[in-house]
């Protein structure tokens, strides 16, 4: 896809926000319960590593208003994203989407390390592929690496084969960088459909959404991001932020402010375990 086409698509998705509806609020969220493409061949000796996979810059605006698919048909997989995390006490989960980005992800990981906190990072395959050392560091420090597709498309616009390719390529990139395939999946823009749930399950992944959206992608100001996290804090909450896809300096600064405050308030910031873990 050419650069001008990418930005045209971004504009179309932005327009879709108005028609898709307002962001799903935490009060409306409750816990719900083709062949894979061949992996690309290794580059020839002396060839530039993954030069053709430099991440694009169009992933900026989450499309809100999508919920789980509405159908009475039963499928043997979880067909609603897990939205609240079980656990005793004041437990919360911090999640970051779209990275890893060498400009912003290290600052987030450094802050988490300073407070001995683990988080979830839903990475895009093209970003993970282009930043393997950063991806490895995230995994080595105990963070959970989730699958956020290869190129962050709107899955409801894709065929099953295309969705499988987006997921599989990303899982391959995560395994290459971390030695383990991701066990969690998050749909770009929160746009879930039946194929995404089914294919995610086939690839061994659980779906995970969020309950508090910081809307940091709008760059509303560091204080606003901090206020949204602190006002939304509650046991079982899953917080959505971003470490890539645009200027995420506000997100980095906000974490430095709200993380110690949450800990001082008695919250335990952790990562979820799968049902079968």
C-alpha atoms as a PDB file:
ATOM      1  CA  UNK A   1       0.000   0.000   0.000  1.00  0.00           C
ATOM      2  CA  UNK A   2       1.386   3.392  -0.994  1.00  0.00           C
ATOM      3  CA  UNK A   3       1.896   6.207   1.504  1.00  0.00           C
ATOM      4  CA  UNK A   4      -0.877   8.397   0.082  1.00  0.00           C
ATOM      5  CA  UNK A   5      -3.264   5.448   0.248  1.00  0.00           C
ATOM      6  CA  UNK A   6      -2.352   4.856   3.892  1.00  0.00           C
ATOM      7  CA  UNK A   7      -3.253   8.380   4.892  1.00  0.00           C
ATOM      8  CA  UNK A   8      -6.435   8.231   2.842  1.00  0.00           C
ATOM      9  CA  UNK A   9      -7.381   5.116   4.777  1.00  0.00           C
ATOM     10  CA  UNK A  10      -6.517   6.802   8.058  1.00  0.00           C
ATOM     11  CA  UNK A  11      -8.869   9.629   7.218  1.00  0.00           C
ATOM     12  CA  UNK A  12     -11.632   7.192   6.373  1.00  0.00           C
ATOM     13  CA  UNK A  13     -11.173   5.422   9.699  1.00  0.00           C
ATOM     14  CA  UNK A  14     -11.241   8.740  11.530  1.00  0.00           C
ATOM     15  CA  UNK A  15     -14.525   9.564   9.847  1.00  0.00           C
ATOM     16  CA  UNK A  16     -15.796   6.177  10.914  1.00  0.00           C
ATOM     17  CA  UNK A  17     -15.401   7.129  14.564  1.00  0.00           C
ATOM     18  CA  UNK A  18     -18.371   9.453  14.319  1.00  0.00           C
ATOM     19  CA  UNK A  19     -20.593   6.832  12.733  1.00  0.00           C
ATOM     20  CA  UNK A  20     -19.401   3.935  14.866  1.00  0.00           C
ATOM     21  CA  UNK A  21     -20.473   5.653  18.069  1.00  0.00           C
ATOM     22  CA  UNK A  22     -18.812   6.900  21.236  1.00  0.00           C
ATOM     23  CA  UNK A  23     -16.255   4.867  23.135  1.00  0.00           C
ATOM     24  CA  UNK A  24     -17.679   1.956  25.097  1.00  0.00           C
ATOM     25  CA  UNK A  25     -17.714   2.995  28.743  1.00  0.00           C
ATOM     26  CA  UNK A  26     -16.493   0.867  31.601  1.00  0.00           C
ATOM     27  CA  UNK A  27     -20.038   0.614  32.932  1.00  0.00           C
ATOM     28  CA  UNK A  28     -21.135  -1.191  29.766  1.00  0.00           C
ATOM     29  CA  UNK A  29     -18.259  -3.633  29.865  1.00  0.00           C
ATOM     30  CA  UNK A  30     -18.570  -6.966  31.577  1.00  0.00           C
ATOM     31  CA  UNK A  31     -16.542 -10.100  31.344  1.00  0.00           C
ATOM     32  CA  UNK A  32     -17.695 -12.356  28.597  1.00  0.00           C
ATOM     33  CA  UNK A  33     -16.551 -15.259  28.465  1.00  0.00           C
ATOM     34  CA  UNK A  34      -7.597 -21.276   4.748  1.00  0.00           C
ATOM     35  CA  UNK A  35      -4.091 -22.486   5.559  1.00  0.00           C
ATOM     36  CA  UNK A  36      -1.518 -20.382   7.372  1.00  0.00           C
ATOM     37  CA  UNK A  37       0.888 -18.635   5.016  1.00  0.00           C
ATOM     38  CA  UNK A  38       4.419 -19.885   4.882  1.00  0.00           C
ATOM     39  CA  UNK A  39       6.934 -17.969   6.945  1.00  0.00           C
ATOM     40  CA  UNK A  40       9.195 -15.727   4.866  1.00  0.00           C
ATOM     41  CA  UNK A  41      12.535 -17.182   3.972  1.00  0.00           C
ATOM     42  CA  UNK A  42      15.597 -15.947   5.814  1.00  0.00           C
ATOM     43  CA  UNK A  43      17.377 -13.089   4.032  1.00  0.00           C
ATOM     44  CA  UNK A  44      20.387 -13.992   1.981  1.00  0.00           C
ATOM     45  CA  UNK A  45      23.804 -13.443   3.496  1.00  0.00           C
ATOM     46  CA  UNK A  46      24.795  -9.811   3.261  1.00  0.00           C
ATOM     47  CA  UNK A  47      21.252  -8.647   2.498  1.00  0.00           C
ATOM     48  CA  UNK A  48      19.872  -5.786   4.642  1.00  0.00           C
ATOM     49  CA  UNK A  49      17.807  -7.260   7.465  1.00  0.00           C
ATOM     50  CA  UNK A  50      14.068  -6.703   6.990  1.00  0.00           C
ATOM     51  CA  UNK A  51      14.624  -3.497   5.040  1.00  0.00           C
ATOM     52  CA  UNK A  52      11.273  -3.899   3.322  1.00  0.00           C
ATOM     53  CA  UNK A  53       9.435  -4.206   6.628  1.00  0.00           C
ATOM     54  CA  UNK A  54      10.106  -0.763   8.057  1.00  0.00           C
ATOM     55  CA  UNK A  55       6.996   0.118  10.048  1.00  0.00           C
ATOM     56  CA  UNK A  56       4.526   2.504   8.517  1.00  0.00           C
ATOM     57  CA  UNK A  57       3.260   5.560  10.367  1.00  0.00           C
ATOM     58  CA  UNK A  58      -0.483   5.471   9.796  1.00  0.00           C
ATOM     59  CA  UNK A  59      -1.595   3.699  12.998  1.00  0.00           C
ATOM     60  CA  UNK A  60      -2.947   6.654  14.938  1.00  0.00           C
ATOM     61  CA  UNK A  61      -6.635   6.502  15.717  1.00  0.00           C
ATOM     62  CA  UNK A  62      -8.492   3.647  17.439  1.00  0.00           C
ATOM     63  CA  UNK A  63     -11.939   3.159  15.965  1.00  0.00           C
ATOM     64  CA  UNK A  64     -14.427   2.897  18.811  1.00  0.00           C
ATOM     65  CA  UNK A  65     -17.936   1.603  19.148  1.00  0.00           C
ATOM     66  CA  UNK A  66     -17.438  -2.030  18.170  1.00  0.00           C
ATOM     67  CA  UNK A  67     -18.623  -4.785  20.448  1.00  0.00           C
ATOM     68  CA  UNK A  68     -18.652  -8.579  20.322  1.00  0.00           C
ATOM     69  CA  UNK A  69     -20.406 -10.163  17.331  1.00  0.00           C
ATOM     70  CA  UNK A  70     -24.157 -10.466  17.674  1.00  0.00           C
ATOM     71  CA  UNK A  71     -25.204 -13.941  16.660  1.00  0.00           C
ATOM     72  CA  UNK A  72     -26.937 -16.891  18.229  1.00  0.00           C
ATOM     73  CA  UNK A  73     -24.685 -19.402  16.528  1.00  0.00           C
ATOM     74  CA  UNK A  74     -22.459 -21.262  18.987  1.00  0.00           C
ATOM     75  CA  UNK A  75     -18.777 -21.731  18.416  1.00  0.00           C
ATOM     76  CA  UNK A  76     -16.316 -23.662  20.610  1.00  0.00           C
ATOM     77  CA  UNK A  77     -14.243 -20.560  21.368  1.00  0.00           C
ATOM     78  CA  UNK A  78     -14.548 -17.512  23.566  1.00  0.00           C
ATOM     79  CA  UNK A  79     -16.488 -15.018  21.432  1.00  0.00           C
ATOM     80  CA  UNK A  80     -16.333 -12.025  23.712  1.00  0.00           C
ATOM     81  CA  UNK A  81     -13.060 -10.400  24.730  1.00  0.00           C
ATOM     82  CA  UNK A  82     -11.976 -10.809  28.307  1.00  0.00           C
ATOM     83  CA  UNK A  83     -12.541  -7.387  29.820  1.00  0.00           C
ATOM     84  CA  UNK A  84     -11.961  -7.715  33.536  1.00  0.00           C
ATOM     85  CA  UNK A  85      -9.152  -9.468  35.292  1.00  0.00           C
ATOM     86  CA  UNK A  86      -9.907 -11.717  38.237  1.00  0.00           C
ATOM     87  CA  UNK A  87      -7.797 -11.510  41.337  1.00  0.00           C
ATOM     88  CA  UNK A  88      -8.041 -10.583  44.971  1.00  0.00           C
ATOM     89  CA  UNK A  89      -7.706  -7.041  46.182  1.00  0.00           C
ATOM     90  CA  UNK A  90      -7.100  -3.906  44.159  1.00  0.00           C
ATOM     91  CA  UNK A  91      -5.690  -5.493  41.012  1.00  0.00           C
ATOM     92  CA  UNK A  92      -5.308  -3.635  37.702  1.00  0.00           C
ATOM     93  CA  UNK A  93      -3.617  -4.320  34.365  1.00  0.00           C
ATOM     94  CA  UNK A  94      -1.745  -1.762  32.254  1.00  0.00           C
ATOM     95  CA  UNK A  95      -1.638  -2.427  28.515  1.00  0.00           C
ATOM     96  CA  UNK A  96       0.186  -0.640  25.709  1.00  0.00           C
ATOM     97  CA  UNK A  97      -0.613  -1.046  22.010  1.00  0.00           C
ATOM     98  CA  UNK A  98       1.057  -0.625  18.613  1.00  0.00           C
ATOM     99  CA  UNK A  99       4.768  -0.907  19.519  1.00  0.00           C
ATOM    100  CA  UNK A 100       7.486  -1.523  20.160  1.00  0.00           C
ATOM    101  CA  UNK A 101       8.797   1.911  19.206  1.00  0.00           C
ATOM    102  CA  UNK A 102      12.415   2.750  20.105  1.00  0.00           C
ATOM    103  CA  UNK A 103      11.425   6.379  20.740  1.00  0.00           C
ATOM    104  CA  UNK A 104       8.833   5.682  23.447  1.00  0.00           C
ATOM    105  CA  UNK A 105       8.743   2.030  24.516  1.00  0.00           C
ATOM    106  CA  UNK A 106      12.093   2.166  26.383  1.00  0.00           C
ATOM    107  CA  UNK A 107      10.826   5.027  28.562  1.00  0.00           C
ATOM    108  CA  UNK A 108       7.728   3.019  29.462  1.00  0.00           C
ATOM    109  CA  UNK A 109       9.722  -0.128  30.168  1.00  0.00           C
ATOM    110  CA  UNK A 110      12.237   1.856  32.258  1.00  0.00           C
ATOM    111  CA  UNK A 111       9.439   3.290  34.422  1.00  0.00           C
ATOM    112  CA  UNK A 112       7.834  -0.124  34.897  1.00  0.00           C
ATOM    113  CA  UNK A 113      11.215  -1.553  35.897  1.00  0.00           C
ATOM    114  CA  UNK A 114      11.793   1.242  38.424  1.00  0.00           C
ATOM    115  CA  UNK A 115       8.630   0.177  40.255  1.00  0.00           C
ATOM    116  CA  UNK A 116       8.968  -3.566  39.602  1.00  0.00           C
ATOM    117  CA  UNK A 117       5.687  -3.649  37.671  1.00  0.00           C
ATOM    118  CA  UNK A 118       4.767  -5.899  34.762  1.00  0.00           C
ATOM    119  CA  UNK A 119       2.473  -4.846  31.925  1.00  0.00           C
ATOM    120  CA  UNK A 120       1.072  -6.173  28.664  1.00  0.00           C
ATOM    121  CA  UNK A 121       2.297  -4.972  25.282  1.00  0.00           C
ATOM    122  CA  UNK A 122       0.126  -5.751  22.265  1.00  0.00           C
ATOM    123  CA  UNK A 123       2.647  -5.426  19.484  1.00  0.00           C
ATOM    124  CA  UNK A 124       2.239  -5.048  15.744  1.00  0.00           C
ATOM    125  CA  UNK A 125       4.276  -7.580  13.818  1.00  0.00           C
ATOM    126  CA  UNK A 126       5.975  -5.052  11.552  1.00  0.00           C
ATOM    127  CA  UNK A 127       7.108  -3.062  14.602  1.00  0.00           C
ATOM    128  CA  UNK A 128       8.261  -6.187  16.448  1.00  0.00           C
ATOM    129  CA  UNK A 129      10.121  -7.403  13.385  1.00  0.00           C
ATOM    130  CA  UNK A 130      11.911  -4.099  13.021  1.00  0.00           C
ATOM    131  CA  UNK A 131      12.821  -3.833  16.736  1.00  0.00           C
ATOM    132  CA  UNK A 132      13.715  -7.386  17.833  1.00  0.00           C
ATOM    133  CA  UNK A 133      16.166  -6.386  20.586  1.00  0.00           C
ATOM    134  CA  UNK A 134      13.609  -4.115  22.221  1.00  0.00           C
ATOM    135  CA  UNK A 135      11.002  -6.852  21.953  1.00  0.00           C
ATOM    136  CA  UNK A 136      13.392  -9.309  23.606  1.00  0.00           C
ATOM    137  CA  UNK A 137      14.071  -6.863  26.424  1.00  0.00           C
ATOM    138  CA  UNK A 138      10.356  -6.475  27.107  1.00  0.00           C
ATOM    139  CA  UNK A 139       9.912 -10.232  27.350  1.00  0.00           C
ATOM    140  CA  UNK A 140      13.084 -10.726  29.394  1.00  0.00           C
ATOM    141  CA  UNK A 141      11.810  -8.234  31.977  1.00  0.00           C
ATOM    142  CA  UNK A 142       8.621 -10.202  32.478  1.00  0.00           C
ATOM    143  CA  UNK A 143       6.139  -8.278  30.389  1.00  0.00           C
ATOM    144  CA  UNK A 144       3.461 -10.152  28.467  1.00  0.00           C
ATOM    145  CA  UNK A 145       3.716  -9.779  24.701  1.00  0.00           C
ATOM    146  CA  UNK A 146       0.380  -9.934  22.901  1.00  0.00           C
ATOM    147  CA  UNK A 147      -0.590 -10.073  19.232  1.00  0.00           C
ATOM    148  CA  UNK A 148      -2.031  -6.874  17.697  1.00  0.00           C
ATOM    149  CA  UNK A 149      -1.792  -8.023  14.048  1.00  0.00           C
ATOM    150  CA  UNK A 150       0.968  -7.298  11.571  1.00  0.00           C
ATOM    151  CA  UNK A 151      -0.117  -3.956  10.087  1.00  0.00           C
ATOM    152  CA  UNK A 152      -3.035  -2.849  12.309  1.00  0.00           C
ATOM    153  CA  UNK A 153      -5.851  -3.212   9.744  1.00  0.00           C
ATOM    154  CA  UNK A 154      -9.569  -3.049  10.376  1.00  0.00           C
ATOM    155  CA  UNK A 155     -10.260  -6.782  10.641  1.00  0.00           C
ATOM    156  CA  UNK A 156     -13.897  -6.419   9.701  1.00  0.00           C
ATOM    157  CA  UNK A 157     -12.705  -5.376   6.229  1.00  0.00           C
ATOM    158  CA  UNK A 158     -10.564  -8.485   5.729  1.00  0.00           C
ATOM    159  CA  UNK A 159     -11.153 -12.060   4.614  1.00  0.00           C
ATOM    160  CA  UNK A 160     -10.449 -14.959   6.948  1.00  0.00           C
ATOM    161  CA  UNK A 161      -7.274 -15.725   5.019  1.00  0.00           C
ATOM    162  CA  UNK A 162      -6.077 -12.148   5.432  1.00  0.00           C
ATOM    163  CA  UNK A 163      -6.881 -12.111   9.145  1.00  0.00           C
ATOM    164  CA  UNK A 164      -5.021 -15.382   9.635  1.00  0.00           C
ATOM    165  CA  UNK A 165      -2.014 -13.957   7.808  1.00  0.00           C
ATOM    166  CA  UNK A 166      -2.004 -10.809   9.966  1.00  0.00           C
ATOM    167  CA  UNK A 167      -2.139 -12.898  13.135  1.00  0.00           C
ATOM    168  CA  UNK A 168       0.271 -15.613  12.077  1.00  0.00           C
ATOM    169  CA  UNK A 169       2.981 -13.287  10.807  1.00  0.00           C
ATOM    170  CA  UNK A 170       2.839 -11.386  14.090  1.00  0.00           C
ATOM    171  CA  UNK A 171       3.016 -14.541  16.198  1.00  0.00           C
ATOM    172  CA  UNK A 172       6.011 -15.628  14.123  1.00  0.00           C
ATOM    173  CA  UNK A 173       7.743 -12.280  14.721  1.00  0.00           C
ATOM    174  CA  UNK A 174       7.083 -12.483  18.461  1.00  0.00           C
ATOM    175  CA  UNK A 175       8.415 -16.026  18.610  1.00  0.00           C
ATOM    176  CA  UNK A 176      11.509 -14.980  16.674  1.00  0.00           C
ATOM    177  CA  UNK A 177      12.207 -12.181  19.131  1.00  0.00           C
ATOM    178  CA  UNK A 178      11.100 -13.777  22.398  1.00  0.00           C
ATOM    179  CA  UNK A 179      11.270 -17.520  21.862  1.00  0.00           C
ATOM    180  CA  UNK A 180       7.572 -17.939  22.655  1.00  0.00           C
ATOM    181  CA  UNK A 181       4.392 -17.351  20.695  1.00  0.00           C
ATOM    182  CA  UNK A 182       1.864 -14.862  22.085  1.00  0.00           C
ATOM    183  CA  UNK A 183      -1.036 -16.199  24.103  1.00  0.00           C
ATOM    184  CA  UNK A 184      -3.171 -13.051  24.025  1.00  0.00           C
ATOM    185  CA  UNK A 185      -4.715 -11.137  21.140  1.00  0.00           C
ATOM    186  CA  UNK A 186      -6.269  -7.695  20.774  1.00  0.00           C
ATOM    187  CA  UNK A 187      -8.127  -6.561  17.653  1.00  0.00           C
ATOM    188  CA  UNK A 188      -6.985  -3.250  16.148  1.00  0.00           C
ATOM    189  CA  UNK A 189      -9.477  -0.442  16.821  1.00  0.00           C
ATOM    190  CA  UNK A 190     -11.366  -2.829  19.126  1.00  0.00           C
ATOM    191  CA  UNK A 191     -13.132  -4.091  15.988  1.00  0.00           C
ATOM    192  CA  UNK A 192     -13.816  -7.738  16.812  1.00  0.00           C
ATOM    193  CA  UNK A 193     -15.616 -10.175  14.571  1.00  0.00           C
ATOM    194  CA  UNK A 194     -16.328 -13.884  14.625  1.00  0.00           C
ATOM    195  CA  UNK A 195     -13.402 -14.751  12.363  1.00  0.00           C
ATOM    196  CA  UNK A 196     -10.988 -12.914  14.663  1.00  0.00           C
ATOM    197  CA  UNK A 197     -12.188 -14.864  17.695  1.00  0.00           C
ATOM    198  CA  UNK A 198     -12.127 -18.200  15.897  1.00  0.00           C
ATOM    199  CA  UNK A 199      -8.733 -17.731  14.261  1.00  0.00           C
ATOM    200  CA  UNK A 200      -7.230 -16.364  17.449  1.00  0.00           C
ATOM    201  CA  UNK A 201      -8.392 -19.473  19.289  1.00  0.00           C
ATOM    202  CA  UNK A 202      -6.972 -21.714  16.556  1.00  0.00           C
ATOM    203  CA  UNK A 203      -3.625 -19.983  17.029  1.00  0.00           C
ATOM    204  CA  UNK A 204      -3.739 -20.532  20.796  1.00  0.00           C
ATOM    205  CA  UNK A 205      -4.637 -17.007  21.865  1.00  0.00           C
ATOM    206  CA  UNK A 206      -7.198 -15.492  24.238  1.00  0.00           C
ATOM    207  CA  UNK A 207      -8.856 -12.168  23.302  1.00  0.00           C
ATOM    208  CA  UNK A 208      -8.335  -9.218  25.634  1.00  0.00           C
ATOM    209  CA  UNK A 209     -10.042  -5.827  25.402  1.00  0.00           C
ATOM    210  CA  UNK A 210      -9.973  -2.926  27.910  1.00  0.00           C
ATOM    211  CA  UNK A 211     -12.187  -1.074  30.368  1.00  0.00           C
ATOM    212  CA  UNK A 212     -10.409   2.289  30.687  1.00  0.00           C
ATOM    213  CA  UNK A 213      -9.312   4.021  27.485  1.00  0.00           C
ATOM    214  CA  UNK A 214      -6.849   6.839  28.098  1.00  0.00           C
ATOM    215  CA  UNK A 215      -7.399   8.166  24.558  1.00  0.00           C
ATOM    216  CA  UNK A 216      -3.730   9.068  24.643  1.00  0.00           C
ATOM    217  CA  UNK A 217      -3.615   8.799  20.843  1.00  0.00           C
ATOM    218  CA  UNK A 218      -5.409  12.171  20.746  1.00  0.00           C
ATOM    219  CA  UNK A 219      -2.468  13.740  22.660  1.00  0.00           C
ATOM    220  CA  UNK A 220      -4.862  15.405  25.138  1.00  0.00           C
ATOM    221  CA  UNK A 221      -2.070  16.433  27.518  1.00  0.00           C
ATOM    222  CA  UNK A 222      -0.186  14.505  30.180  1.00  0.00           C
ATOM    223  CA  UNK A 223      -2.476  15.660  33.002  1.00  0.00           C
ATOM    224  CA  UNK A 224      -5.583  14.531  31.144  1.00  0.00           C
ATOM    225  CA  UNK A 225      -4.127  11.058  30.607  1.00  0.00           C
ATOM    226  CA  UNK A 226      -3.186  10.842  34.281  1.00  0.00           C
ATOM    227  CA  UNK A 227      -6.670  11.932  35.342  1.00  0.00           C
ATOM    228  CA  UNK A 228      -8.333   9.356  33.099  1.00  0.00           C
ATOM    229  CA  UNK A 229      -6.302   6.528  34.597  1.00  0.00           C
ATOM    230  CA  UNK A 230      -6.746   7.654  38.196  1.00  0.00           C
ATOM    231  CA  UNK A 231     -10.467   8.387  37.804  1.00  0.00           C
ATOM    232  CA  UNK A 232     -11.020   5.017  36.143  1.00  0.00           C
ATOM    233  CA  UNK A 233      -8.964   3.013  38.626  1.00  0.00           C
ATOM    234  CA  UNK A 234     -10.884   0.122  40.184  1.00  0.00           C
ATOM    235  CA  UNK A 235     -10.268  -3.551  40.948  1.00  0.00           C
ATOM    236  CA  UNK A 236     -10.139  -5.600  37.753  1.00  0.00           C
ATOM    237  CA  UNK A 237      -9.703  -2.666  35.394  1.00  0.00           C
ATOM    238  CA  UNK A 238      -7.689  -3.016  32.180  1.00  0.00           C
ATOM    239  CA  UNK A 239      -6.124   0.289  31.061  1.00  0.00           C
ATOM    240  CA  UNK A 240      -5.445   0.996  27.376  1.00  0.00           C
ATOM    241  CA  UNK A 241      -2.521   3.231  26.363  1.00  0.00           C
ATOM    242  CA  UNK A 242      -0.156   3.319  23.387  1.00  0.00           C
ATOM    243  CA  UNK A 243       3.605   3.205  23.028  1.00  0.00           C
ATOM    244  CA  UNK A 244       3.688   3.738  19.240  1.00  0.00           C
ATOM    245  CA  UNK A 245       1.638   4.983  16.301  1.00  0.00           C
ATOM    246  CA  UNK A 246       2.405   8.667  16.791  1.00  0.00           C
ATOM    247  CA  UNK A 247       3.955  11.011  19.351  1.00  0.00           C
ATOM    248  CA  UNK A 248       3.640   9.074  22.596  1.00  0.00           C
ATOM    249  CA  UNK A 249       5.764  11.349  24.798  1.00  0.00           C
ATOM    250  CA  UNK A 250       2.648  12.293  26.801  1.00  0.00           C
ATOM    251  CA  UNK A 251       1.946   8.628  27.444  1.00  0.00           C
ATOM    252  CA  UNK A 252       5.486   8.119  28.742  1.00  0.00           C
ATOM    253  CA  UNK A 253       5.263  11.138  31.035  1.00  0.00           C
ATOM    254  CA  UNK A 254       1.794  10.186  32.265  1.00  0.00           C
ATOM    255  CA  UNK A 255       2.939   6.714  33.313  1.00  0.00           C
ATOM    256  CA  UNK A 256       5.714   8.269  35.401  1.00  0.00           C
ATOM    257  CA  UNK A 257       3.061  10.222  37.298  1.00  0.00           C
ATOM    258  CA  UNK A 258       0.175   7.813  37.753  1.00  0.00           C
ATOM    259  CA  UNK A 259       2.088   4.586  38.364  1.00  0.00           C
ATOM    260  CA  UNK A 260       3.538   5.558  41.767  1.00  0.00           C
ATOM    261  CA  UNK A 261       0.197   7.076  42.769  1.00  0.00           C
ATOM    262  CA  UNK A 262      -1.661   3.862  41.963  1.00  0.00           C
ATOM    263  CA  UNK A 263       0.863   1.857  43.946  1.00  0.00           C
ATOM    264  CA  UNK A 264       0.636   4.265  46.895  1.00  0.00           C
ATOM    265  CA  UNK A 265      -3.155   3.867  46.780  1.00  0.00           C
ATOM    266  CA  UNK A 266      -2.797   0.128  47.262  1.00  0.00           C
ATOM    267  CA  UNK A 267      -3.293  -1.078  43.707  1.00  0.00           C
ATOM    268  CA  UNK A 268      -1.445  -4.157  42.522  1.00  0.00           C
ATOM    269  CA  UNK A 269      -0.441  -3.782  38.881  1.00  0.00           C
ATOM    270  CA  UNK A 270      -0.125  -7.223  37.361  1.00  0.00           C
ATOM    271  CA  UNK A 271      -0.645  -9.237  34.196  1.00  0.00           C
ATOM    272  CA  UNK A 272      -3.405 -11.802  33.644  1.00  0.00           C
ATOM    273  CA  UNK A 273      -3.061 -15.510  33.382  1.00  0.00           C
ATOM    274  CA  UNK A 274      -4.870 -17.586  30.794  1.00  0.00           C
ATOM    275  CA  UNK A 275      -7.699 -19.823  31.903  1.00  0.00           C
ATOM    276  CA  UNK A 276      -5.540 -22.910  31.278  1.00  0.00           C
ATOM    277  CA  UNK A 277      -2.329 -21.457  32.768  1.00  0.00           C
END
